[in-house]
Amino acid sequence: MNIKKLNPIVLGLSLAVVGSSLAAAQDAASTSSIPRILQITREYTKPYKGGDAHDKTESAFVTANSRAKFPAYYVGMNSMSGKARALYMTRYSSFAEWEKDNAIQAKNPSFSADIEHASIADGELLEEVDSAVYTFDEDLSFHPHNDLENHHFYQVFAFHVRRGHEKEWREVVKMVKDAHEKAGDGAHWGMYSLMFGGEGGTYVALSGDPSMSAIDDGFTGQKKYLEALGGEEGMAKLDALFGAAVDTSHSELFAVNPKQSYVSEDWIKKDAGFWKPKGAAEKK
């Protein structure tokens, strides 16, 4: 089989997310528990202004949120590919919940002042900041995990669907999902569609795992997946559909940074070694 015939991004979505050893045990049996709203804030750091310097300014946000016992938790992660940047993911069950959280901050002058002070200091390290809001698409997702506290690395696949080609896009994802189901591998991702903050027709697939070894596992299972897809004929069909449906696409790799994350005590108790390492506690 000539794998090069398959669009590399399709290949990435199809293979790189395969093989998590925890897929069967921690797969979300029901998507009802998955928050439907996902806010992603991107911070592009100035050259060589990341690392410890950014950890320090971000820790001020974590301290302010903890002091105020703010209910909106978020996960921070740093890019391992592409332009240097940090992502901060906050999940809400509804927009109404988000509105309530905003009201809590508005009614707490001390908390608001702490956030403003932290923002000014953080801004000295940044070139650009933007934010986007996505909604969870259950039909386009595949065995999404709900054990988010165990996700230490994220593969992020972004797609922009051509206007009027939503049908082909959904056929593409269905083909990929059906092949994974037939192959019986550990593929998993949550698919989100952009609602606010960018160009319409944008979709993002998130696949989180405890270790980057899941990427290696994906290549191990690629032969079985490609056979389930239908060999050369199936790849050609998928590639043609993808070309008709999608005009741009790319993929990135991120590492979760516990120093830049504000997470619940439950998460910390489940994996204190990662979310609150002893070295960080002693330094504080």
Protein backbone atom coordinates (compact mmCIF):
# COMPACT_ATOMS: atom_id res chain seq x y z
CA MET A 1 0.00 0.00 0.00
CA ASN A 2 1.25 3.46 -0.90
CA ILE A 3 0.42 5.50 2.19
CA LYS A 4 1.71 8.67 0.50
CA LYS A 5 -1.42 8.72 -1.65
CA LEU A 6 -3.47 9.62 1.41
CA ASN A 7 -3.66 13.26 2.45
CA PRO A 8 -1.23 13.66 5.39
CA ILE A 9 -3.78 15.37 7.62
CA VAL A 10 -6.32 12.62 7.02
CA LEU A 11 -3.55 10.16 7.78
CA GLY A 12 -2.82 12.05 10.97
CA LEU A 13 -6.42 12.01 12.14
CA SER A 14 -6.66 8.37 11.15
CA LEU A 15 -3.44 7.06 12.63
CA ALA A 16 -1.76 9.37 15.11
CA VAL A 17 -4.70 9.19 17.51
CA VAL A 18 -4.70 5.40 17.57
CA GLY A 19 -3.58 3.10 20.30
CA SER A 20 -3.93 4.65 23.73
CA SER A 21 -3.53 1.85 26.25
CA LEU A 22 -6.23 3.46 28.39
CA ALA A 23 -8.76 3.76 25.60
CA ALA A 24 -10.93 0.81 26.55
CA ALA A 25 -10.92 1.42 30.29
CA GLN A 26 -11.40 5.18 30.30
CA ASP A 27 -13.41 5.73 27.15
CA ALA A 28 -16.50 7.83 27.72
CA ALA A 29 -19.35 5.36 27.49
CA SER A 30 -21.72 8.31 27.18
CA THR A 31 -21.01 11.78 25.85
CA SER A 32 -23.63 13.31 28.13
CA SER A 33 -20.95 14.14 30.71
CA ILE A 34 -18.75 16.02 28.22
CA PRO A 35 -19.08 19.82 28.53
CA ARG A 36 -20.58 21.19 25.33
CA ILE A 37 -18.79 24.55 25.29
CA LEU A 38 -15.03 24.87 24.88
CA GLN A 39 -13.23 28.20 25.11
CA ILE A 40 -9.64 28.25 23.87
CA THR A 41 -7.43 31.27 24.57
CA ARG A 42 -4.14 31.47 22.67
CA GLU A 43 -1.14 33.43 23.92
CA TYR A 44 1.75 33.91 21.49
CA THR A 45 4.86 34.60 23.52
CA LYS A 46 7.66 36.87 22.37
CA PRO A 47 10.84 35.02 21.29
CA TYR A 48 12.51 33.40 24.31
CA LYS A 49 9.90 34.80 26.70
CA GLY A 50 8.30 31.43 27.42
CA GLY A 51 9.57 28.85 29.89
CA ASP A 52 10.06 29.90 33.51
CA ALA A 53 9.24 33.53 32.80
CA HIS A 54 5.81 32.64 31.45
CA ASP A 55 5.26 30.06 34.19
CA LYS A 56 5.81 32.82 36.73
CA THR A 57 3.31 35.28 35.25
CA GLU A 58 0.73 32.54 34.70
CA SER A 59 1.09 31.34 38.29
CA ALA A 60 -0.35 34.70 39.37
CA PHE A 61 -3.60 33.82 37.58
CA VAL A 62 -3.66 30.41 39.26
CA THR A 63 -3.09 32.03 42.67
CA ALA A 64 -5.85 34.60 42.09
CA ASN A 65 -8.35 31.96 40.97
CA SER A 66 -7.48 29.70 43.90
CA ARG A 67 -7.81 32.52 46.41
CA ALA A 68 -11.23 33.46 45.02
CA LYS A 69 -12.25 29.78 44.73
CA PHE A 70 -13.35 30.56 41.19
CA PRO A 71 -15.38 27.65 39.76
CA ALA A 72 -14.12 27.87 36.14
CA TYR A 73 -11.08 25.59 35.89
CA TYR A 74 -8.76 25.57 32.90
CA VAL A 75 -5.88 23.56 31.45
CA GLY A 76 -2.81 25.33 30.10
CA MET A 77 -0.51 23.73 27.58
CA ASN A 78 2.53 24.75 25.56
CA SER A 79 3.28 24.13 21.89
CA MET A 80 5.75 21.46 20.86
CA SER A 81 5.34 22.33 17.18
CA GLY A 82 4.68 25.46 15.16
CA LYS A 83 4.96 28.98 16.52
CA ALA A 84 5.67 29.33 20.24
CA ARG A 85 2.37 29.72 22.05
CA ALA A 86 0.29 28.57 24.99
CA LEU A 87 -3.31 27.37 24.90
CA TYR A 88 -5.77 27.62 27.77
CA MET A 89 -8.87 25.44 27.57
CA THR A 90 -11.92 26.18 29.70
CA ARG A 91 -15.01 23.97 29.42
CA TYR A 92 -18.59 24.89 30.26
CA SER A 93 -21.75 22.82 30.27
CA SER A 94 -23.67 25.81 28.84
CA PHE A 95 -23.37 29.49 28.03
CA ALA A 96 -25.55 30.18 31.06
CA GLU A 97 -22.90 28.60 33.28
CA TRP A 98 -20.26 30.78 31.65
CA GLU A 99 -22.37 33.87 32.30
CA LYS A 100 -22.69 32.97 35.99
CA ASP A 101 -18.91 32.68 36.27
CA ASN A 102 -18.48 36.12 34.70
CA ALA A 103 -20.94 37.54 37.21
CA ILE A 104 -18.95 36.05 40.10
CA GLN A 105 -15.82 37.89 38.98
CA ALA A 106 -17.71 41.13 38.38
CA LYS A 107 -19.01 41.06 41.95
CA ASN A 108 -15.56 40.46 43.45
CA PRO A 109 -13.46 43.66 43.12
CA SER A 110 -10.44 42.11 44.81
CA PHE A 111 -10.45 39.13 42.45
CA SER A 112 -10.90 41.38 39.41
CA ALA A 113 -7.98 43.53 40.55
CA ASP A 114 -5.76 40.47 40.97
CA ILE A 115 -6.63 39.27 37.45
CA GLU A 116 -5.96 42.71 35.98
CA HIS A 117 -2.59 42.93 37.74
CA ALA A 118 -1.64 39.46 36.52
CA SER A 119 -2.75 40.34 32.98
CA ILE A 120 -0.53 43.43 32.84
CA ALA A 121 2.53 41.47 33.94
CA ASP A 122 1.74 38.61 31.57
CA GLY A 123 1.22 41.02 28.68
CA GLU A 124 4.87 42.07 28.83
CA LEU A 125 5.81 38.59 27.55
CA LEU A 126 3.23 38.32 24.78
CA GLU A 127 3.04 39.27 21.12
CA GLU A 128 -0.62 38.44 20.62
CA VAL A 129 -3.66 37.02 22.41
CA ASP A 130 -6.90 35.73 20.92
CA SER A 131 -9.83 33.62 22.00
CA ALA A 132 -12.32 31.34 20.27
CA VAL A 133 -15.42 29.42 21.35
CA TYR A 134 -16.23 25.94 20.08
CA THR A 135 -19.16 23.57 20.55
CA PHE A 136 -18.86 19.80 20.91
CA ASP A 137 -20.04 17.80 17.88
CA GLU A 138 -21.03 14.35 19.08
CA ASP A 139 -21.62 12.92 15.59
CA LEU A 140 -18.11 13.80 14.42
CA SER A 141 -16.39 12.61 17.61
CA PHE A 142 -15.08 9.10 18.15
CA HIS A 143 -14.91 7.51 21.61
CA PRO A 144 -13.96 10.81 23.28
CA HIS A 145 -12.37 10.39 26.69
CA ASN A 146 -13.77 11.98 29.80
CA ASP A 147 -10.68 11.31 31.98
CA LEU A 148 -9.27 14.73 31.13
CA GLU A 149 -7.16 14.81 34.28
CA ASN A 150 -4.98 12.07 32.73
CA HIS A 151 -4.28 13.97 29.52
CA HIS A 152 -0.69 15.20 29.60
CA PHE A 153 -0.31 15.66 25.84
CA TYR A 154 -2.74 16.79 23.15
CA GLN A 155 -2.76 16.27 19.42
CA VAL A 156 -4.75 19.06 17.78
CA PHE A 157 -6.08 18.68 14.23
CA ALA A 158 -7.68 21.75 12.62
CA PHE A 159 -9.79 21.69 9.45
CA HIS A 160 -11.59 24.33 7.44
CA VAL A 161 -14.52 22.96 5.44
CA ARG A 162 -15.35 24.54 2.10
CA ARG A 163 -18.62 26.43 1.97
CA GLY A 164 -21.39 24.10 0.80
CA HIS A 165 -19.36 20.92 1.38
CA GLU A 166 -20.49 19.97 4.88
CA LYS A 167 -21.99 16.73 3.55
CA GLU A 168 -18.65 15.55 2.12
CA TRP A 169 -16.90 16.51 5.35
CA ARG A 170 -19.23 14.37 7.42
CA GLU A 171 -18.75 11.50 4.97
CA VAL A 172 -14.98 11.81 5.43
CA VAL A 173 -15.22 11.59 9.20
CA LYS A 174 -17.72 8.71 8.99
CA MET A 175 -15.34 6.72 6.76
CA VAL A 176 -12.50 7.26 9.22
CA LYS A 177 -14.67 6.34 12.21
CA ASP A 178 -16.06 3.20 10.52
CA ALA A 179 -12.55 2.00 9.65
CA HIS A 180 -11.37 2.49 13.23
CA GLU A 181 -14.41 0.65 14.55
CA LYS A 182 -13.76 -2.24 12.20
CA ALA A 183 -10.06 -2.31 13.05
CA GLY A 184 -10.87 -2.33 16.76
CA ASP A 185 -8.03 0.00 17.67
CA GLY A 186 -7.87 2.62 20.41
CA ALA A 187 -8.53 5.70 18.30
CA HIS A 188 -10.32 8.53 20.07
CA TRP A 189 -11.01 12.23 19.60
CA GLY A 190 -13.50 14.93 20.45
CA MET A 191 -14.56 17.10 17.51
CA TYR A 192 -15.50 20.74 18.04
CA SER A 193 -16.94 23.28 15.59
CA LEU A 194 -16.04 26.95 15.82
CA MET A 195 -18.94 29.15 16.91
CA PHE A 196 -17.31 32.47 17.82
CA GLY A 197 -13.90 34.02 17.20
CA GLY A 198 -12.92 32.91 13.71
CA GLU A 199 -13.91 31.79 10.25
CA GLY A 200 -17.03 29.66 9.92
CA GLY A 201 -16.59 26.08 8.81
CA THR A 202 -13.64 25.53 11.17
CA TYR A 203 -13.40 22.25 13.08
CA VAL A 204 -10.88 21.10 15.66
CA ALA A 205 -10.29 17.49 16.72
CA LEU A 206 -8.66 17.06 20.13
CA SER A 207 -7.01 13.83 21.17
CA GLY A 208 -5.45 13.74 24.63
CA ASP A 209 -3.31 10.99 26.17
CA PRO A 210 -1.16 10.40 29.25
CA SER A 211 1.94 9.84 27.13
CA MET A 212 3.35 10.61 23.69
CA SER A 213 3.83 6.86 23.30
CA ALA A 214 0.21 6.82 22.08
CA ILE A 215 1.50 8.37 18.86
CA ASP A 216 3.95 5.50 18.44
CA ASP A 217 1.14 3.04 19.07
CA GLY A 218 -0.82 4.68 16.26
CA PHE A 219 1.80 3.79 13.69
CA THR A 220 1.93 0.25 15.01
CA GLY A 221 -1.76 -0.22 14.22
CA GLN A 222 -1.81 1.55 10.87
CA LYS A 223 -1.77 -1.61 8.73
CA LYS A 224 -4.95 -2.96 10.31
CA TYR A 225 -6.63 0.43 9.99
CA LEU A 226 -5.73 0.80 6.31
CA GLU A 227 -7.04 -2.68 5.60
CA ALA A 228 -10.31 -1.78 7.35
CA LEU A 229 -10.49 1.37 5.25
CA GLY A 230 -10.49 -0.71 2.08
CA GLY A 231 -6.89 -0.68 0.94
CA GLU A 232 -5.81 1.42 -2.05
CA GLU A 233 -9.38 1.87 -3.28
CA GLY A 234 -10.63 3.02 0.11
CA MET A 235 -7.72 5.43 0.54
CA ALA A 236 -8.32 6.93 -2.89
CA LYS A 237 -12.01 7.49 -2.09
CA LEU A 238 -11.22 9.06 1.27
CA ASP A 239 -8.55 11.31 -0.23
CA ALA A 240 -10.92 12.49 -2.96
CA LEU A 241 -13.68 13.25 -0.47
CA PHE A 242 -11.26 15.07 1.79
CA GLY A 243 -10.03 17.21 -1.10
CA ALA A 244 -13.59 18.11 -2.03
CA ALA A 245 -14.59 18.95 1.53
CA VAL A 246 -11.56 20.67 3.08
CA ASP A 247 -9.52 23.57 1.77
CA THR A 248 -6.99 23.96 4.61
CA SER A 249 -5.84 21.74 7.46
CA HIS A 250 -2.95 21.35 9.87
CA SER A 251 -1.96 19.48 13.01
CA GLU A 252 -0.04 20.46 16.16
CA LEU A 253 1.31 18.82 19.30
CA PHE A 254 1.01 20.35 22.79
CA ALA A 255 2.25 19.41 26.25
CA VAL A 256 0.04 20.18 29.25
CA ASN A 257 1.78 22.51 31.71
CA PRO A 258 0.55 22.00 35.29
CA LYS A 259 2.22 25.26 36.37
CA GLN A 260 -0.05 27.17 33.99
CA SER A 261 -3.20 25.19 34.78
CA TYR A 262 -5.93 25.89 37.30
CA VAL A 263 -7.54 22.54 38.10
CA SER A 264 -9.80 21.12 40.80
CA GLU A 265 -8.66 19.47 44.00
CA ASP A 266 -10.14 16.22 42.69
CA TRP A 267 -7.74 16.29 39.75
CA ILE A 268 -4.81 17.05 42.04
CA LYS A 269 -5.69 14.18 44.38
CA LYS A 270 -5.88 11.73 41.47
CA ASP A 271 -2.43 12.66 40.14
CA ALA A 272 -0.63 14.96 42.57
CA GLY A 273 2.74 13.98 41.12
CA PHE A 274 1.79 15.67 37.86
CA TRP A 275 -0.57 18.49 38.81
CA LYS A 276 1.26 19.56 41.96
CA PRO A 277 4.82 18.17 41.91
CA LYS A 278 6.84 18.40 45.12
CA GLY A 279 9.49 20.57 43.52
CA ALA A 280 6.94 23.23 42.65
CA ALA A 281 5.42 23.13 46.14
CA GLU A 282 8.84 23.51 47.80
CA LYS A 283 9.73 26.42 45.52
CA LYS A 284 6.49 28.18 46.38
